[in-house]
Amino acid sequence: MSAGHTEVTSGPVVSCSGEHEDCGIRDVLDRIGDKWSVLVVVELAQGVRRFRQLQRAVPGISQRMLTLTVRRLERDGLLTRTVHPTVPPQVEYALTPMGHSLTHLVKSLADWSLEHRDPIARARQEWDDANPGSGIH
């Protein structure tokens, strides 16, 4: 075992038996692990937001991608969409209780990322130095 690495002695995080090794979780993980979904959930954890507020709060997201993301999150039961009968209609988004239950996991992931960002940057640099021209960045 190399320096800086620890051996994990516990069992697998997810153990599946039978023919379908993903245990039916891949579809859910694909959604909640999607970059835009995570950023929208993080923003909605702060409270109710209108579409344009979300768009401004999530740098780099296009109108089309935000539309797709909120539709998918609504379909999955993670947020609600409320249309107010005004001219033009005002649309607000909010996390559902299930969506809120996801926020502590996202916070844990963000905390882990902050804690490990420097060691990851060092590991990447060491790998890049050892593997010049690999094309991975």
Protein backbone atom coordinates (compact mmCIF):
# COMPACT_ATOMS: atom_id res chain seq x y z
CA MET A 1 0.00 0.00 0.00
CA SER A 2 1.44 3.40 -0.97
CA ALA A 3 1.87 6.36 1.34
CA GLY A 4 -1.24 8.46 1.80
CA HIS A 5 -3.59 5.57 1.11
CA THR A 6 -5.48 3.69 3.78
CA GLU A 7 -6.97 0.28 3.44
CA VAL A 8 -10.74 0.08 3.78
CA THR A 9 -11.68 -2.95 5.80
CA SER A 10 -15.44 -2.54 5.94
CA GLY A 11 -17.74 -4.16 3.41
CA PRO A 12 -18.88 -2.56 0.19
CA VAL A 13 -20.92 0.63 0.33
CA VAL A 14 -23.64 -1.09 -1.67
CA SER A 15 -23.90 -4.82 -1.89
CA CYS A 16 -26.15 -6.21 -4.56
CA SER A 17 -27.01 -9.79 -5.01
CA GLY A 18 -28.50 -11.35 -8.04
CA GLU A 19 -28.42 -10.54 -11.68
CA HIS A 20 -28.79 -6.74 -11.53
CA GLU A 21 -25.67 -5.41 -9.86
CA ASP A 22 -26.79 -1.79 -9.67
CA CYS A 23 -29.66 -2.69 -7.27
CA GLY A 24 -31.89 -0.30 -9.14
CA ILE A 25 -30.02 2.74 -7.83
CA ARG A 26 -28.19 3.83 -10.95
CA ASP A 27 -31.13 5.81 -12.31
CA VAL A 28 -31.49 7.71 -9.02
CA LEU A 29 -27.75 8.26 -8.66
CA ASP A 30 -27.56 9.53 -12.23
CA ARG A 31 -30.11 12.20 -11.34
CA ILE A 32 -28.82 13.30 -7.95
CA GLY A 33 -25.21 13.00 -9.07
CA ASP A 34 -25.78 15.24 -12.07
CA LYS A 35 -23.82 18.49 -11.80
CA TRP A 36 -26.77 20.76 -12.53
CA SER A 37 -29.17 18.90 -10.26
CA VAL A 38 -26.79 19.19 -7.32
CA LEU A 39 -26.30 22.92 -7.91
CA VAL A 40 -30.06 23.52 -8.19
CA VAL A 41 -30.70 21.55 -4.99
CA VAL A 42 -27.99 23.56 -3.21
CA GLU A 43 -29.63 26.81 -4.28
CA LEU A 44 -33.15 25.67 -3.39
CA ALA A 45 -31.91 24.61 0.05
CA GLN A 46 -31.71 28.36 0.71
CA GLY A 47 -35.45 28.74 0.01
CA VAL A 48 -38.01 29.29 -2.73
CA ARG A 49 -36.58 30.65 -5.98
CA ARG A 50 -37.99 31.91 -9.25
CA PHE A 51 -36.62 30.58 -12.51
CA ARG A 52 -34.44 33.64 -13.23
CA GLN A 53 -33.10 33.63 -9.66
CA LEU A 54 -32.06 30.00 -10.13
CA GLN A 55 -30.48 30.78 -13.48
CA ARG A 56 -28.42 33.63 -12.00
CA ALA A 57 -27.43 31.53 -8.97
CA VAL A 58 -26.14 28.58 -11.05
CA PRO A 59 -23.25 29.93 -13.15
CA GLY A 60 -22.93 28.45 -16.61
CA ILE A 61 -26.35 26.83 -16.81
CA SER A 62 -28.31 27.62 -19.95
CA GLN A 63 -32.03 28.33 -19.92
CA ARG A 64 -32.69 25.03 -21.68
CA MET A 65 -30.54 23.01 -19.25
CA LEU A 66 -32.18 24.66 -16.24
CA THR A 67 -35.61 23.91 -17.69
CA LEU A 68 -34.67 20.25 -18.20
CA THR A 69 -33.09 20.02 -14.75
CA VAL A 70 -36.06 21.44 -12.84
CA ARG A 71 -38.48 19.29 -14.85
CA ARG A 72 -36.50 16.17 -14.01
CA LEU A 73 -36.23 17.10 -10.33
CA GLU A 74 -39.97 17.80 -10.25
CA ARG A 75 -40.69 14.48 -11.95
CA ASP A 76 -38.53 12.73 -9.36
CA GLY A 77 -40.46 14.39 -6.52
CA LEU A 78 -37.51 16.48 -5.30
CA LEU A 79 -38.99 19.90 -6.01
CA THR A 80 -42.32 21.56 -6.59
CA ARG A 81 -43.17 24.07 -9.27
CA THR A 82 -45.81 26.67 -8.47
CA VAL A 83 -47.23 28.88 -11.21
CA HIS A 84 -48.80 32.13 -10.02
CA PRO A 85 -51.57 33.45 -12.32
CA THR A 86 -49.98 36.78 -13.13
CA VAL A 87 -49.06 38.37 -16.45
CA PRO A 88 -46.49 37.15 -17.23
CA PRO A 89 -46.90 34.05 -15.05
CA GLN A 90 -44.49 33.84 -12.13
CA VAL A 91 -43.05 30.40 -11.53
CA GLU A 92 -41.46 29.43 -8.22
CA TYR A 93 -39.53 26.34 -7.29
CA ALA A 94 -39.08 24.82 -3.85
CA LEU A 95 -37.66 21.60 -2.47
CA THR A 96 -40.10 18.95 -1.31
CA PRO A 97 -39.49 17.19 2.01
CA MET A 98 -37.70 14.46 0.05
CA GLY A 99 -35.60 17.12 -1.69
CA HIS A 100 -34.72 18.66 1.68
CA SER A 101 -33.67 15.22 2.94
CA LEU A 102 -31.05 15.21 0.18
CA THR A 103 -29.45 18.49 1.29
CA HIS A 104 -27.55 17.00 4.24
CA LEU A 105 -25.94 14.50 1.87
CA VAL A 106 -24.99 17.25 -0.56
CA LYS A 107 -23.52 19.24 2.34
CA SER A 108 -21.50 16.21 3.43
CA LEU A 109 -20.17 15.81 -0.11
CA ALA A 110 -19.32 19.52 -0.28
CA ASP A 111 -17.55 19.32 3.10
CA TRP A 112 -15.60 16.25 1.95
CA SER A 113 -14.65 18.07 -1.27
CA LEU A 114 -13.34 21.08 0.65
CA GLU A 115 -11.40 18.89 3.06
CA HIS A 116 -9.77 16.90 0.26
CA ARG A 117 -9.38 19.52 -2.46
CA ASP A 118 -5.68 20.20 -1.74
CA PRO A 119 -4.62 16.53 -1.49
CA ILE A 120 -6.54 15.80 -4.70
CA ALA A 121 -4.81 18.71 -6.45
CA ARG A 122 -1.42 17.36 -5.29
CA ALA A 123 -2.28 13.83 -6.40
CA ARG A 124 -3.36 15.11 -9.80
CA GLN A 125 -0.15 17.09 -10.21
CA GLU A 126 1.96 14.07 -9.20
CA TRP A 127 0.06 11.86 -11.64
CA ASP A 128 0.36 14.43 -14.45
CA ASP A 129 4.11 14.75 -13.78
CA ALA A 130 4.49 10.96 -13.92
CA ASN A 131 2.28 10.61 -17.01
CA PRO A 132 3.11 13.47 -19.37
CA GLY A 133 1.09 13.57 -22.56
CA SER A 134 -1.69 11.39 -21.18
CA GLY A 135 -4.33 13.87 -22.31
CA ILE A 136 -6.25 13.51 -19.05
CA HIS A 137 -7.05 16.78 -17.33
